[in-house]
C-alpha atoms as a PDB file:
ATOM      1  CA  MET A   1      61.178  71.755  59.621  1.00  0.00           C
ATOM      2  CA  LYS A   2      60.671  70.938  63.284  1.00  0.00           C
ATOM      3  CA  LYS A   3      57.115  69.766  64.072  1.00  0.00           C
ATOM      4  CA  VAL A   4      55.872  71.933  66.946  1.00  0.00           C
ATOM      5  CA  GLY A   5      52.598  71.099  68.657  1.00  0.00           C
ATOM      6  CA  VAL A   6      50.928  74.067  70.377  1.00  0.00           C
ATOM      7  CA  ILE A   7      48.417  72.678  72.888  1.00  0.00           C
ATOM      8  CA  PHE A   8      45.863  75.127  74.295  1.00  0.00           C
ATOM      9  CA  GLY A   9      42.401  75.410  75.833  1.00  0.00           C
ATOM     10  CA  GLY A  10      42.019  72.775  78.524  1.00  0.00           C
ATOM     11  CA  MET A  11      39.469  71.813  81.152  1.00  0.00           C
ATOM     12  CA  SER A  12      40.324  74.529  83.673  1.00  0.00           C
ATOM     13  CA  THR A  13      38.541  77.822  84.308  1.00  0.00           C
ATOM     14  CA  GLU A  14      41.336  79.461  82.309  1.00  0.00           C
ATOM     15  CA  ASN A  15      40.344  77.922  78.965  1.00  0.00           C
ATOM     16  CA  GLU A  16      39.579  81.297  77.365  1.00  0.00           C
ATOM     17  CA  VAL A  17      42.800  82.856  78.632  1.00  0.00           C
ATOM     18  CA  SER A  18      44.728  79.899  77.214  1.00  0.00           C
ATOM     19  CA  ILE A  19      43.171  80.507  73.785  1.00  0.00           C
ATOM     20  CA  LYS A  20      44.378  84.125  73.874  1.00  0.00           C
ATOM     21  CA  SER A  21      47.860  82.981  74.923  1.00  0.00           C
ATOM     22  CA  ALA A  22      47.900  80.464  72.064  1.00  0.00           C
ATOM     23  CA  GLU A  23      46.985  83.171  69.568  1.00  0.00           C
ATOM     24  CA  GLY A  24      49.915  85.219  70.866  1.00  0.00           C
ATOM     25  CA  VAL A  25      52.287  82.279  70.418  1.00  0.00           C
ATOM     26  CA  LEU A  26      50.918  81.276  67.009  1.00  0.00           C
ATOM     27  CA  ASN A  27      51.198  84.812  65.656  1.00  0.00           C
ATOM     28  CA  ASN A  28      54.846  85.013  66.700  1.00  0.00           C
ATOM     29  CA  LEU A  29      56.159  81.566  65.759  1.00  0.00           C
ATOM     30  CA  ASN A  30      58.492  81.644  62.770  1.00  0.00           C
ATOM     31  CA  ARG A  31      56.595  79.569  60.174  1.00  0.00           C
ATOM     32  CA  SER A  32      59.708  79.248  58.018  1.00  0.00           C
ATOM     33  CA  LYS A  33      61.337  77.269  60.868  1.00  0.00           C
ATOM     34  CA  TYR A  34      58.417  75.280  62.260  1.00  0.00           C
ATOM     35  CA  GLU A  35      55.629  73.055  61.013  1.00  0.00           C
ATOM     36  CA  VAL A  36      52.959  74.129  63.492  1.00  0.00           C
ATOM     37  CA  HIS A  37      50.299  71.730  64.757  1.00  0.00           C
ATOM     38  CA  MET A  38      47.514  73.499  66.650  1.00  0.00           C
ATOM     39  CA  ILE A  39      45.860  71.243  69.231  1.00  0.00           C
ATOM     40  CA  TYR A  40      42.797  72.369  71.172  1.00  0.00           C
ATOM     41  CA  ILE A  41      41.544  70.608  74.303  1.00  0.00           C
ATOM     42  CA  ASP A  42      37.939  71.675  74.921  1.00  0.00           C
ATOM     43  CA  LYS A  43      36.338  72.106  78.351  1.00  0.00           C
ATOM     44  CA  ASN A  44      35.105  68.508  78.265  1.00  0.00           C
ATOM     45  CA  GLY A  45      38.603  67.137  77.660  1.00  0.00           C
ATOM     46  CA  ASN A  46      38.189  66.355  73.945  1.00  0.00           C
ATOM     47  CA  TRP A  47      41.349  66.757  71.854  1.00  0.00           C
ATOM     48  CA  ASN A  48      41.047  68.471  68.473  1.00  0.00           C
ATOM     49  CA  ARG A  49      43.454  69.502  65.717  1.00  0.00           C
ATOM     50  CA  TYR A  50      43.163  72.645  63.634  1.00  0.00           C
ATOM     51  CA  ILE A  51      42.769  72.017  59.888  1.00  0.00           C
ATOM     52  CA  GLY A  52      42.176  75.605  58.720  1.00  0.00           C
ATOM     53  CA  LYS A  53      44.576  78.190  57.331  1.00  0.00           C
ATOM     54  CA  GLN A  54      47.691  78.634  59.432  1.00  0.00           C
ATOM     55  CA  ASP A  55      48.181  82.353  58.814  1.00  0.00           C
ATOM     56  CA  THR A  56      45.040  83.648  60.567  1.00  0.00           C
ATOM     57  CA  LYS A  57      45.361  86.102  63.451  1.00  0.00           C
ATOM     58  CA  GLU A  58      42.571  84.415  65.429  1.00  0.00           C
ATOM     59  CA  ILE A  59      41.780  80.719  65.818  1.00  0.00           C
ATOM     60  CA  ASN A  60      38.602  79.749  63.948  1.00  0.00           C
ATOM     61  CA  PHE A  61      36.974  76.886  65.816  1.00  0.00           C
ATOM     62  CA  ARG A  62      34.922  75.854  62.793  1.00  0.00           C
ATOM     63  CA  TYR A  63      38.110  74.228  61.498  1.00  0.00           C
ATOM     64  CA  MET A  64      38.665  71.923  64.462  1.00  0.00           C
ATOM     65  CA  GLN A  65      38.647  68.166  63.879  1.00  0.00           C
ATOM     66  CA  LYS A  66      38.584  65.592  66.663  1.00  0.00           C
ATOM     67  CA  ILE A  67      41.824  63.628  67.027  1.00  0.00           C
ATOM     68  CA  SER A  68      41.019  59.925  66.841  1.00  0.00           C
ATOM     69  CA  ASN A  69      44.252  58.696  68.452  1.00  0.00           C
ATOM     70  CA  VAL A  70      45.716  61.335  70.756  1.00  0.00           C
ATOM     71  CA  MET A  71      48.787  59.340  71.825  1.00  0.00           C
ATOM     72  CA  GLU A  72      49.761  58.539  68.262  1.00  0.00           C
ATOM     73  CA  TYR A  73      49.228  62.120  67.126  1.00  0.00           C
ATOM     74  CA  ILE A  74      51.331  63.625  69.939  1.00  0.00           C
ATOM     75  CA  ALA A  75      54.099  61.033  69.607  1.00  0.00           C
ATOM     76  CA  GLN A  76      54.886  62.109  66.027  1.00  0.00           C
ATOM     77  CA  LEU A  77      55.704  65.683  67.094  1.00  0.00           C
ATOM     78  CA  ASP A  78      59.282  66.889  67.623  1.00  0.00           C
ATOM     79  CA  VAL A  79      58.398  69.233  70.470  1.00  0.00           C
ATOM     80  CA  VAL A  80      55.259  70.377  72.295  1.00  0.00           C
ATOM     81  CA  PHE A  81      54.545  73.889  73.566  1.00  0.00           C
ATOM     82  CA  PRO A  82      51.794  73.458  76.182  1.00  0.00           C
ATOM     83  CA  VAL A  83      50.127  76.882  76.279  1.00  0.00           C
ATOM     84  CA  LEU A  84      47.773  75.714  79.012  1.00  0.00           C
ATOM     85  CA  HIS A  85      46.918  77.503  82.238  1.00  0.00           C
ATOM     86  CA  GLY A  86      45.553  76.169  85.502  1.00  0.00           C
ATOM     87  CA  LEU A  87      44.534  72.623  86.368  1.00  0.00           C
ATOM     88  CA  TYR A  88      45.370  69.847  83.892  1.00  0.00           C
ATOM     89  CA  GLY A  89      47.737  72.213  82.082  1.00  0.00           C
ATOM     90  CA  GLU A  90      50.398  73.661  84.336  1.00  0.00           C
ATOM     91  CA  ASP A  91      50.005  71.307  87.291  1.00  0.00           C
ATOM     92  CA  GLY A  92      52.195  68.486  85.978  1.00  0.00           C
ATOM     93  CA  THR A  93      49.344  66.558  84.325  1.00  0.00           C
ATOM     94  CA  ILE A  94      50.127  67.287  80.671  1.00  0.00           C
ATOM     95  CA  GLN A  95      53.826  67.259  81.494  1.00  0.00           C
ATOM     96  CA  GLY A  96      53.505  63.707  82.836  1.00  0.00           C
ATOM     97  CA  LEU A  97      51.750  62.592  79.651  1.00  0.00           C
ATOM     98  CA  LEU A  98      54.519  64.062  77.509  1.00  0.00           C
ATOM     99  CA  GLU A  99      57.154  62.389  79.689  1.00  0.00           C
ATOM    100  CA  LEU A 100      55.447  59.022  79.132  1.00  0.00           C
ATOM    101  CA  LEU A 101      55.404  59.620  75.375  1.00  0.00           C
ATOM    102  CA  ARG A 102      59.042  60.807  75.468  1.00  0.00           C
ATOM    103  CA  VAL A 103      58.141  63.965  73.573  1.00  0.00           C
ATOM    104  CA  PRO A 104      60.267  67.045  74.426  1.00  0.00           C
ATOM    105  CA  TYR A 105      58.236  69.998  75.691  1.00  0.00           C
ATOM    106  CA  VAL A 106      58.589  73.637  76.675  1.00  0.00           C
ATOM    107  CA  GLY A 107      58.556  74.527  80.331  1.00  0.00           C
ATOM    108  CA  CYS A 108      58.850  73.068  83.792  1.00  0.00           C
ATOM    109  CA  LYS A 109      58.772  69.328  84.422  1.00  0.00           C
ATOM    110  CA  VAL A 110      56.269  67.414  86.548  1.00  0.00           C
ATOM    111  CA  LEU A 111      57.574  68.235  90.033  1.00  0.00           C
ATOM    112  CA  ALA A 112      58.094  71.971  89.499  1.00  0.00           C
ATOM    113  CA  SER A 113      54.723  72.269  87.740  1.00  0.00           C
ATOM    114  CA  ALA A 114      52.907  70.511  90.591  1.00  0.00           C
ATOM    115  CA  ILE A 115      54.608  72.666  93.220  1.00  0.00           C
ATOM    116  CA  GLY A 116      54.104  75.904  91.291  1.00  0.00           C
ATOM    117  CA  ILE A 117      50.341  75.448  90.854  1.00  0.00           C
ATOM    118  CA  ASP A 118      49.831  74.660  94.550  1.00  0.00           C
ATOM    119  CA  LYS A 119      50.126  77.934  96.454  1.00  0.00           C
ATOM    120  CA  VAL A 120      50.391  76.239  99.851  1.00  0.00           C
ATOM    121  CA  TYR A 121      53.258  73.957  98.876  1.00  0.00           C
ATOM    122  CA  THR A 122      54.972  76.789  97.014  1.00  0.00           C
ATOM    123  CA  LYS A 123      54.949  78.672 100.317  1.00  0.00           C
ATOM    124  CA  ILE A 124      56.450  75.676 102.121  1.00  0.00           C
ATOM    125  CA  ILE A 125      59.276  75.363  99.571  1.00  0.00           C
ATOM    126  CA  PHE A 126      59.955  79.117  99.608  1.00  0.00           C
ATOM    127  CA  GLU A 127      60.079  79.025 103.393  1.00  0.00           C
ATOM    128  CA  LYS A 128      62.669  76.236 103.252  1.00  0.00           C
ATOM    129  CA  ALA A 129      64.662  78.313 100.723  1.00  0.00           C
ATOM    130  CA  GLY A 130      64.706  81.261 103.135  1.00  0.00           C
ATOM    131  CA  LEU A 131      62.729  83.583 100.851  1.00  0.00           C
ATOM    132  CA  ASN A 132      60.862  86.410 102.578  1.00  0.00           C
ATOM    133  CA  GLN A 133      57.085  86.106 102.212  1.00  0.00           C
ATOM    134  CA  ALA A 134      53.869  87.277 103.830  1.00  0.00           C
ATOM    135  CA  LYS A 135      52.582  85.462 106.909  1.00  0.00           C
ATOM    136  CA  TYR A 136      50.024  82.809 106.012  1.00  0.00           C
ATOM    137  CA  LYS A 137      47.727  80.100 107.343  1.00  0.00           C
ATOM    138  CA  TYR A 138      46.504  76.949 105.649  1.00  0.00           C
ATOM    139  CA  ILE A 139      43.090  75.301 106.035  1.00  0.00           C
ATOM    140  CA  LYS A 140      41.318  72.401 104.342  1.00  0.00           C
ATOM    141  CA  LYS A 141      37.705  71.464 103.671  1.00  0.00           C
ATOM    142  CA  GLU A 142      36.820  67.784 103.499  1.00  0.00           C
ATOM    143  CA  GLY A 143      33.120  67.152 102.968  1.00  0.00           C
ATOM    144  CA  GLU A 144      31.393  69.331 105.566  1.00  0.00           C
ATOM    145  CA  THR A 145      34.438  69.420 107.830  1.00  0.00           C
ATOM    146  CA  TYR A 146      36.966  72.240 108.135  1.00  0.00           C
ATOM    147  CA  ILE A 147      40.543  71.423 109.129  1.00  0.00           C
ATOM    148  CA  TYR A 148      43.096  73.854 110.533  1.00  0.00           C
ATOM    149  CA  VAL A 149      46.669  72.955 109.520  1.00  0.00           C
ATOM    150  CA  ASP A 150      49.453  74.284 111.748  1.00  0.00           C
ATOM    151  CA  GLU A 151      53.045  75.175 110.830  1.00  0.00           C
ATOM    152  CA  TYR A 152      54.155  71.558 111.301  1.00  0.00           C
ATOM    153  CA  LEU A 153      51.320  70.324 109.011  1.00  0.00           C
ATOM    154  CA  ARG A 154      49.430  68.853 111.960  1.00  0.00           C
ATOM    155  CA  GLU A 155      45.689  68.827 111.306  1.00  0.00           C
ATOM    156  CA  GLU A 156      42.849  69.678 113.693  1.00  0.00           C
ATOM    157  CA  LYS A 157      39.142  69.624 112.860  1.00  0.00           C
ATOM    158  CA  ALA A 158      37.296  72.797 113.809  1.00  0.00           C
ATOM    159  CA  GLU A 159      34.151  74.807 113.123  1.00  0.00           C
ATOM    160  CA  LEU A 160      34.514  77.673 110.656  1.00  0.00           C
ATOM    161  CA  ASP A 161      33.963  80.264 113.411  1.00  0.00           C
ATOM    162  CA  GLU A 162      36.819  78.778 115.439  1.00  0.00           C
ATOM    163  CA  ILE A 163      39.105  78.650 112.394  1.00  0.00           C
ATOM    164  CA  CYS A 164      38.426  82.298 111.626  1.00  0.00           C
ATOM    165  CA  LYS A 165      39.232  83.246 115.237  1.00  0.00           C
ATOM    166  CA  ASN A 166      42.510  81.285 115.057  1.00  0.00           C
ATOM    167  CA  VAL A 167      43.435  82.998 111.782  1.00  0.00           C
ATOM    168  CA  TYR A 168      42.579  86.413 113.264  1.00  0.00           C
ATOM    169  CA  ASN A 169      44.858  85.679 116.246  1.00  0.00           C
ATOM    170  CA  GLU A 170      47.760  84.879 113.890  1.00  0.00           C
ATOM    171  CA  LEU A 171      47.308  87.367 111.018  1.00  0.00           C
ATOM    172  CA  GLU A 172      46.250  90.984 110.597  1.00  0.00           C
ATOM    173  CA  PHE A 173      43.605  92.429 108.273  1.00  0.00           C
ATOM    174  CA  PRO A 174      43.478  92.964 105.396  1.00  0.00           C
ATOM    175  CA  MET A 175      43.982  89.341 104.352  1.00  0.00           C
ATOM    176  CA  PHE A 176      43.767  87.515 101.054  1.00  0.00           C
ATOM    177  CA  VAL A 177      41.904  84.211 100.788  1.00  0.00           C
ATOM    178  CA  LYS A 178      42.905  81.981  97.865  1.00  0.00           C
ATOM    179  CA  PRO A 179      42.129  78.523  96.532  1.00  0.00           C
ATOM    180  CA  SER A 180      45.478  76.730  96.661  1.00  0.00           C
ATOM    181  CA  ASN A 181      45.359  75.219  93.175  1.00  0.00           C
ATOM    182  CA  TYR A 182      43.978  77.893  90.843  1.00  0.00           C
ATOM    183  CA  GLY A 183      45.572  80.570  88.671  1.00  0.00           C
ATOM    184  CA  SER A 184      44.619  83.923  87.139  1.00  0.00           C
ATOM    185  CA  SER A 185      43.316  85.107  90.544  1.00  0.00           C
ATOM    186  CA  VAL A 186      40.218  82.893  90.251  1.00  0.00           C
ATOM    187  CA  GLY A 187      38.378  82.612  93.589  1.00  0.00           C
ATOM    188  CA  ILE A 188      40.636  85.109  95.388  1.00  0.00           C
ATOM    189  CA  ASN A 189      39.147  87.730  97.718  1.00  0.00           C
ATOM    190  CA  LYS A 190      40.522  90.498  99.901  1.00  0.00           C
ATOM    191  CA  VAL A 191      38.904  90.635 103.358  1.00  0.00           C
ATOM    192  CA  ASN A 192      38.859  93.245 106.091  1.00  0.00           C
ATOM    193  CA  ASN A 193      36.929  91.572 108.922  1.00  0.00           C
ATOM    194  CA  ILE A 194      35.908  88.151 110.249  1.00  0.00           C
ATOM    195  CA  ASP A 195      32.529  88.124 108.461  1.00  0.00           C
ATOM    196  CA  GLU A 196      34.235  88.765 105.125  1.00  0.00           C
ATOM    197  CA  LEU A 197      36.832  86.113 105.992  1.00  0.00           C
ATOM    198  CA  LYS A 198      34.089  83.496 106.481  1.00  0.00           C
ATOM    199  CA  GLU A 199      32.441  84.336 103.174  1.00  0.00           C
ATOM    200  CA  ALA A 200      35.752  84.348 101.315  1.00  0.00           C
ATOM    201  CA  ILE A 201      36.615  80.887 102.682  1.00  0.00           C
ATOM    202  CA  LYS A 202      33.230  79.606 101.480  1.00  0.00           C
ATOM    203  CA  GLU A 203      33.919  81.106  98.056  1.00  0.00           C
ATOM    204  CA  ALA A 204      37.451  79.680  97.830  1.00  0.00           C
ATOM    205  CA  GLU A 205      36.278  76.170  98.735  1.00  0.00           C
ATOM    206  CA  LYS A 206      34.166  76.119  95.556  1.00  0.00           C
ATOM    207  CA  TYR A 207      37.447  75.863  93.635  1.00  0.00           C
ATOM    208  CA  ASP A 208      39.703  73.797  95.911  1.00  0.00           C
ATOM    209  CA  LYS A 209      39.536  71.921  99.206  1.00  0.00           C
ATOM    210  CA  LYS A 210      42.866  73.496 100.185  1.00  0.00           C
ATOM    211  CA  ILE A 211      42.713  77.189 101.056  1.00  0.00           C
ATOM    212  CA  LEU A 212      45.525  79.669 101.670  1.00  0.00           C
ATOM    213  CA  ILE A 213      45.020  82.770 103.818  1.00  0.00           C
ATOM    214  CA  GLU A 214      47.725  85.442 103.612  1.00  0.00           C
ATOM    215  CA  GLN A 215      48.306  88.648 105.489  1.00  0.00           C
ATOM    216  CA  GLY A 216      48.002  91.536 103.059  1.00  0.00           C
ATOM    217  CA  ILE A 217      50.946  93.726 102.127  1.00  0.00           C
ATOM    218  CA  ASP A 218      50.483  97.401 101.305  1.00  0.00           C
ATOM    219  CA  GLY A 219      52.888  97.851  98.435  1.00  0.00           C
ATOM    220  CA  LYS A 220      53.763  97.645  94.782  1.00  0.00           C
ATOM    221  CA  GLU A 221      53.080  94.453  92.871  1.00  0.00           C
ATOM    222  CA  VAL A 222      56.043  93.617  90.626  1.00  0.00           C
ATOM    223  CA  GLU A 223      57.031  90.706  88.401  1.00  0.00           C
ATOM    224  CA  CYS A 224      60.230  89.254  86.969  1.00  0.00           C
ATOM    225  CA  ALA A 225      60.567  86.682  84.176  1.00  0.00           C
ATOM    226  CA  VAL A 226      63.050  83.791  84.164  1.00  0.00           C
ATOM    227  CA  LEU A 227      64.388  82.016  81.067  1.00  0.00           C
ATOM    228  CA  GLN A 228      66.620  78.961  81.129  1.00  0.00           C
ATOM    229  CA  GLY A 229      69.059  78.329  78.325  1.00  0.00           C
ATOM    230  CA  GLU A 230      72.741  77.537  78.679  1.00  0.00           C
ATOM    231  CA  GLU A 231      72.442  79.716  81.765  1.00  0.00           C
ATOM    232  CA  LEU A 232      69.580  81.211  83.763  1.00  0.00           C
ATOM    233  CA  ILE A 233      68.686  84.764  82.851  1.00  0.00           C
ATOM    234  CA  THR A 234      66.140  87.170  84.234  1.00  0.00           C
ATOM    235  CA  SER A 235      64.252  90.030  82.627  1.00  0.00           C
ATOM    236  CA  CYS A 236      63.970  93.526  83.957  1.00  0.00           C
ATOM    237  CA  VAL A 237      61.277  94.010  86.621  1.00  0.00           C
ATOM    238  CA  GLY A 238      57.789  95.221  85.696  1.00  0.00           C
ATOM    239  CA  GLU A 239      55.123  96.786  87.900  1.00  0.00           C
ATOM    240  CA  ILE A 240      51.393  96.036  87.862  1.00  0.00           C
ATOM    241  CA  LYS A 241      48.950  98.928  88.284  1.00  0.00           C
ATOM    242  CA  SER A 242      45.626  97.204  88.906  1.00  0.00           C
ATOM    243  CA  ALA A 243      42.294  98.809  88.075  1.00  0.00           C
ATOM    244  CA  GLU A 244      40.904  97.176  91.214  1.00  0.00           C
ATOM    245  CA  GLU A 245      42.070  96.867  94.823  1.00  0.00           C
ATOM    246  CA  PHE A 246      44.139  93.868  93.787  1.00  0.00           C
ATOM    247  CA  TYR A 247      45.002  92.157  90.514  1.00  0.00           C
ATOM    248  CA  SER A 248      41.822  90.094  90.145  1.00  0.00           C
ATOM    249  CA  TYR A 249      40.767  88.035  87.098  1.00  0.00           C
ATOM    250  CA  ASP A 250      38.715  90.961  85.763  1.00  0.00           C
ATOM    251  CA  ALA A 251      41.529  93.430  86.417  1.00  0.00           C
ATOM    252  CA  LYS A 252      43.953  91.186  84.515  1.00  0.00           C
ATOM    253  CA  TYR A 253      41.894  90.436  81.439  1.00  0.00           C
ATOM    254  CA  ASN A 254      38.808  92.670  81.236  1.00  0.00           C
ATOM    255  CA  MET A 255      39.800  96.133  82.448  1.00  0.00           C
ATOM    256  CA  GLN A 256      41.780  98.442  80.206  1.00  0.00           C
ATOM    257  CA  GLU A 257      42.477 100.664  83.223  1.00  0.00           C
ATOM    258  CA  SER A 258      44.933  98.057  84.509  1.00  0.00           C
ATOM    259  CA  LYS A 259      48.418  99.002  83.379  1.00  0.00           C
ATOM    260  CA  THR A 260      51.935  97.641  83.379  1.00  0.00           C
ATOM    261  CA  ILE A 261      55.007  99.787  83.898  1.00  0.00           C
ATOM    262  CA  ILE A 262      58.154  98.292  82.348  1.00  0.00           C
ATOM    263  CA  PRO A 263      60.700  98.760  83.778  1.00  0.00           C
ATOM    264  CA  ALA A 264      59.209  99.273  87.227  1.00  0.00           C
ATOM    265  CA  ASN A 265      59.841 102.493  89.093  1.00  0.00           C
ATOM    266  CA  ILE A 266      62.078 100.945  91.762  1.00  0.00           C
ATOM    267  CA  THR A 267      65.624 101.400  92.965  1.00  0.00           C
ATOM    268  CA  GLU A 268      68.559  99.690  91.289  1.00  0.00           C
ATOM    269  CA  GLN A 269      69.221  97.703  94.470  1.00  0.00           C
ATOM    270  CA  GLN A 270      65.594  96.527  94.629  1.00  0.00           C
ATOM    271  CA  GLU A 271      65.798  95.369  91.010  1.00  0.00           C
ATOM    272  CA  ILE A 272      69.032  93.462  91.651  1.00  0.00           C
ATOM    273  CA  GLU A 273      67.532  91.772  94.712  1.00  0.00           C
ATOM    274  CA  ILE A 274      64.274  90.830  92.951  1.00  0.00           C
ATOM    275  CA  ARG A 275      66.136  89.300  90.013  1.00  0.00           C
ATOM    276  CA  HIS A 276      68.339  87.385  92.436  1.00  0.00           C
ATOM    277  CA  GLN A 277      65.324  86.106  94.367  1.00  0.00           C
ATOM    278  CA  ALA A 278      63.536  85.128  91.139  1.00  0.00           C
ATOM    279  CA  ILE A 279      66.400  82.761  90.297  1.00  0.00           C
ATOM    280  CA  ARG A 280      66.445  81.393  93.859  1.00  0.00           C
ATOM    281  CA  ALA A 281      62.699  80.694  93.651  1.00  0.00           C
ATOM    282  CA  PHE A 282      63.065  79.032  90.238  1.00  0.00           C
ATOM    283  CA  LYS A 283      65.823  76.770  91.515  1.00  0.00           C
ATOM    284  CA  ALA A 284      63.956  76.041  94.761  1.00  0.00           C
ATOM    285  CA  ILE A 285      61.056  74.397  92.911  1.00  0.00           C
ATOM    286  CA  ASP A 286      63.467  72.669  90.471  1.00  0.00           C
ATOM    287  CA  GLY A 287      62.232  74.822  87.590  1.00  0.00           C
ATOM    288  CA  ARG A 288      63.068  74.357  83.921  1.00  0.00           C
ATOM    289  CA  GLY A 289      62.567  76.457  80.814  1.00  0.00           C
ATOM    290  CA  LEU A 290      60.608  79.432  82.054  1.00  0.00           C
ATOM    291  CA  SER A 291      58.696  80.993  84.908  1.00  0.00           C
ATOM    292  CA  ARG A 292      57.377  84.354  86.014  1.00  0.00           C
ATOM    293  CA  VAL A 293      57.990  85.242  89.648  1.00  0.00           C
ATOM    294  CA  ASP A 294      55.746  87.743  91.438  1.00  0.00           C
ATOM    295  CA  PHE A 295      56.721  89.987  94.342  1.00  0.00           C
ATOM    296  CA  PHE A 296      55.493  92.814  96.556  1.00  0.00           C
ATOM    297  CA  ILE A 297      57.571  95.808  97.642  1.00  0.00           C
ATOM    298  CA  GLU A 298      56.137  97.225 100.858  1.00  0.00           C
ATOM    299  CA  ASN A 299      55.439 100.939 100.574  1.00  0.00           C
ATOM    300  CA  VAL A 300      56.689 102.097 103.972  1.00  0.00           C
ATOM    301  CA  THR A 301      59.752  99.897 104.454  1.00  0.00           C
ATOM    302  CA  GLY A 302      60.729  99.030 100.868  1.00  0.00           C
ATOM    303  CA  GLU A 303      60.976  95.390 102.007  1.00  0.00           C
ATOM    304  CA  ILE A 304      60.647  92.743  99.281  1.00  0.00           C
ATOM    305  CA  TYR A 305      58.236  89.827  99.692  1.00  0.00           C
ATOM    306  CA  ILE A 306      57.945  86.971  97.220  1.00  0.00           C
ATOM    307  CA  ASN A 307      54.330  86.230  96.318  1.00  0.00           C
ATOM    308  CA  GLU A 308      54.254  83.228  93.974  1.00  0.00           C
ATOM    309  CA  ILE A 309      55.805  81.600  90.914  1.00  0.00           C
ATOM    310  CA  ASN A 310      53.949  80.909  87.680  1.00  0.00           C
ATOM    311  CA  THR A 311      55.533  78.015  85.780  1.00  0.00           C
ATOM    312  CA  LEU A 312      53.462  78.561  82.627  1.00  0.00           C
ATOM    313  CA  PRO A 313      52.815  82.318  82.453  1.00  0.00           C
ATOM    314  CA  GLY A 314      50.457  84.010  80.032  1.00  0.00           C
ATOM    315  CA  PHE A 315      51.515  84.645  76.453  1.00  0.00           C
ATOM    316  CA  THR A 316      48.702  86.966  75.380  1.00  0.00           C
ATOM    317  CA  SER A 317      49.479  90.265  73.662  1.00  0.00           C
ATOM    318  CA  ILE A 318      49.332  92.022  77.059  1.00  0.00           C
ATOM    319  CA  SER A 319      51.011  89.321  79.181  1.00  0.00           C
ATOM    320  CA  MET A 320      53.979  90.335  81.290  1.00  0.00           C
ATOM    321  CA  TYR A 321      56.304  87.434  80.426  1.00  0.00           C
ATOM    322  CA  PRO A 322      56.875  88.313  76.732  1.00  0.00           C
ATOM    323  CA  GLN A 323      56.665  92.049  77.480  1.00  0.00           C
ATOM    324  CA  LEU A 324      59.371  91.854  80.156  1.00  0.00           C
ATOM    325  CA  PHE A 325      61.787  90.053  77.858  1.00  0.00           C
ATOM    326  CA  ALA A 326      60.968  92.335  74.923  1.00  0.00           C
ATOM    327  CA  LYS A 327      61.985  95.276  77.117  1.00  0.00           C
ATOM    328  CA  SER A 328      65.107  93.321  78.088  1.00  0.00           C
ATOM    329  CA  GLY A 329      66.133  92.869  74.438  1.00  0.00           C
ATOM    330  CA  ILE A 330      64.568  89.508  73.497  1.00  0.00           C
ATOM    331  CA  GLU A 331      61.620  89.999  71.138  1.00  0.00           C
ATOM    332  CA  TYR A 332      58.614  87.671  71.265  1.00  0.00           C
ATOM    333  CA  SER A 333      59.556  85.559  68.214  1.00  0.00           C
ATOM    334  CA  ARG A 334      63.151  85.094  69.386  1.00  0.00           C
ATOM    335  CA  LEU A 335      61.885  84.248  72.887  1.00  0.00           C
ATOM    336  CA  LEU A 336      59.779  81.417  71.426  1.00  0.00           C
ATOM    337  CA  ASP A 337      62.810  80.165  69.463  1.00  0.00           C
ATOM    338  CA  LEU A 338      64.861  80.013  72.662  1.00  0.00           C
ATOM    339  CA  LEU A 339      62.135  78.219  74.602  1.00  0.00           C
ATOM    340  CA  ILE A 340      61.794  75.596  71.850  1.00  0.00           C
ATOM    341  CA  GLU A 341      65.573  75.202  71.453  1.00  0.00           C
ATOM    342  CA  ASN A 342      65.982  74.645  75.177  1.00  0.00           C
ATOM    343  CA  THR A 343      63.546  71.723  75.475  1.00  0.00           C
ATOM    344  CA  GLN A 344      64.798  68.312  76.569  1.00  0.00           C
END
């Protein structure tokens, strides 16, 4: 049987979400085809292997044993499925390690992973690819200094008040303020005035020195999944109905009122265009294996705006990626088979 290492946890703020994704994967892997090695990276960066029963529905952390030689342990695997979210997991870090060890792995390679986790540079690539997206501004925080970055990536130091005035002159409220390098909506806030904008920037800088500010779009939030095999295929489109004003961390994982509608209630032409744009976005970042691409459809005009691409989407029981493909005719277990078969 093929030795499959499922790596989960990690040092990011999404450690707990990663554990839930791993449980989803582990409960749907065909154990008659794979010898599964469960590998947990704790929040301090310690690598552990699971030595308990393999048929449990939930991971019991009492049966974790520290791995004495991580490189040696990973190198003996046939393929790795990195079910890691956020920094050190989907940013090219673990992918680079696996490249060095020459171990095949599921998902995007180093470049696509690094681009996909960085919202600012994703925007730059999408802009080059001619994909329609919301207006945005980019600022940085270095020490106590704020830096305003213009459309040509020229940098100018400025006080926060001045930066907020510049942003207000370029964008309209409501706006969304986001740390550039975080996932699962961590550190994101919607703002409706300059005072809220200042506070949101201060909150975002706790997570990343690079901060993205986007003009808000009043519309539906929809998602499309991409799978690469012999050819690129897309799922049907699903719609997010958030329990909050926007799809925050709590709305995603802690609020049962948040709902998904699959397939989304959109026109046939909108679905065709979104699926087409999902493939364009995947190719633009040099994607491989899988991604989930997120869009907005503006309520008044019906115009489609690409939001972002997630190169290592969630695999929990309620995650959109496996749900979208299940609705498109590829059940969870078969989806995992295809992802593993398509590694290089």
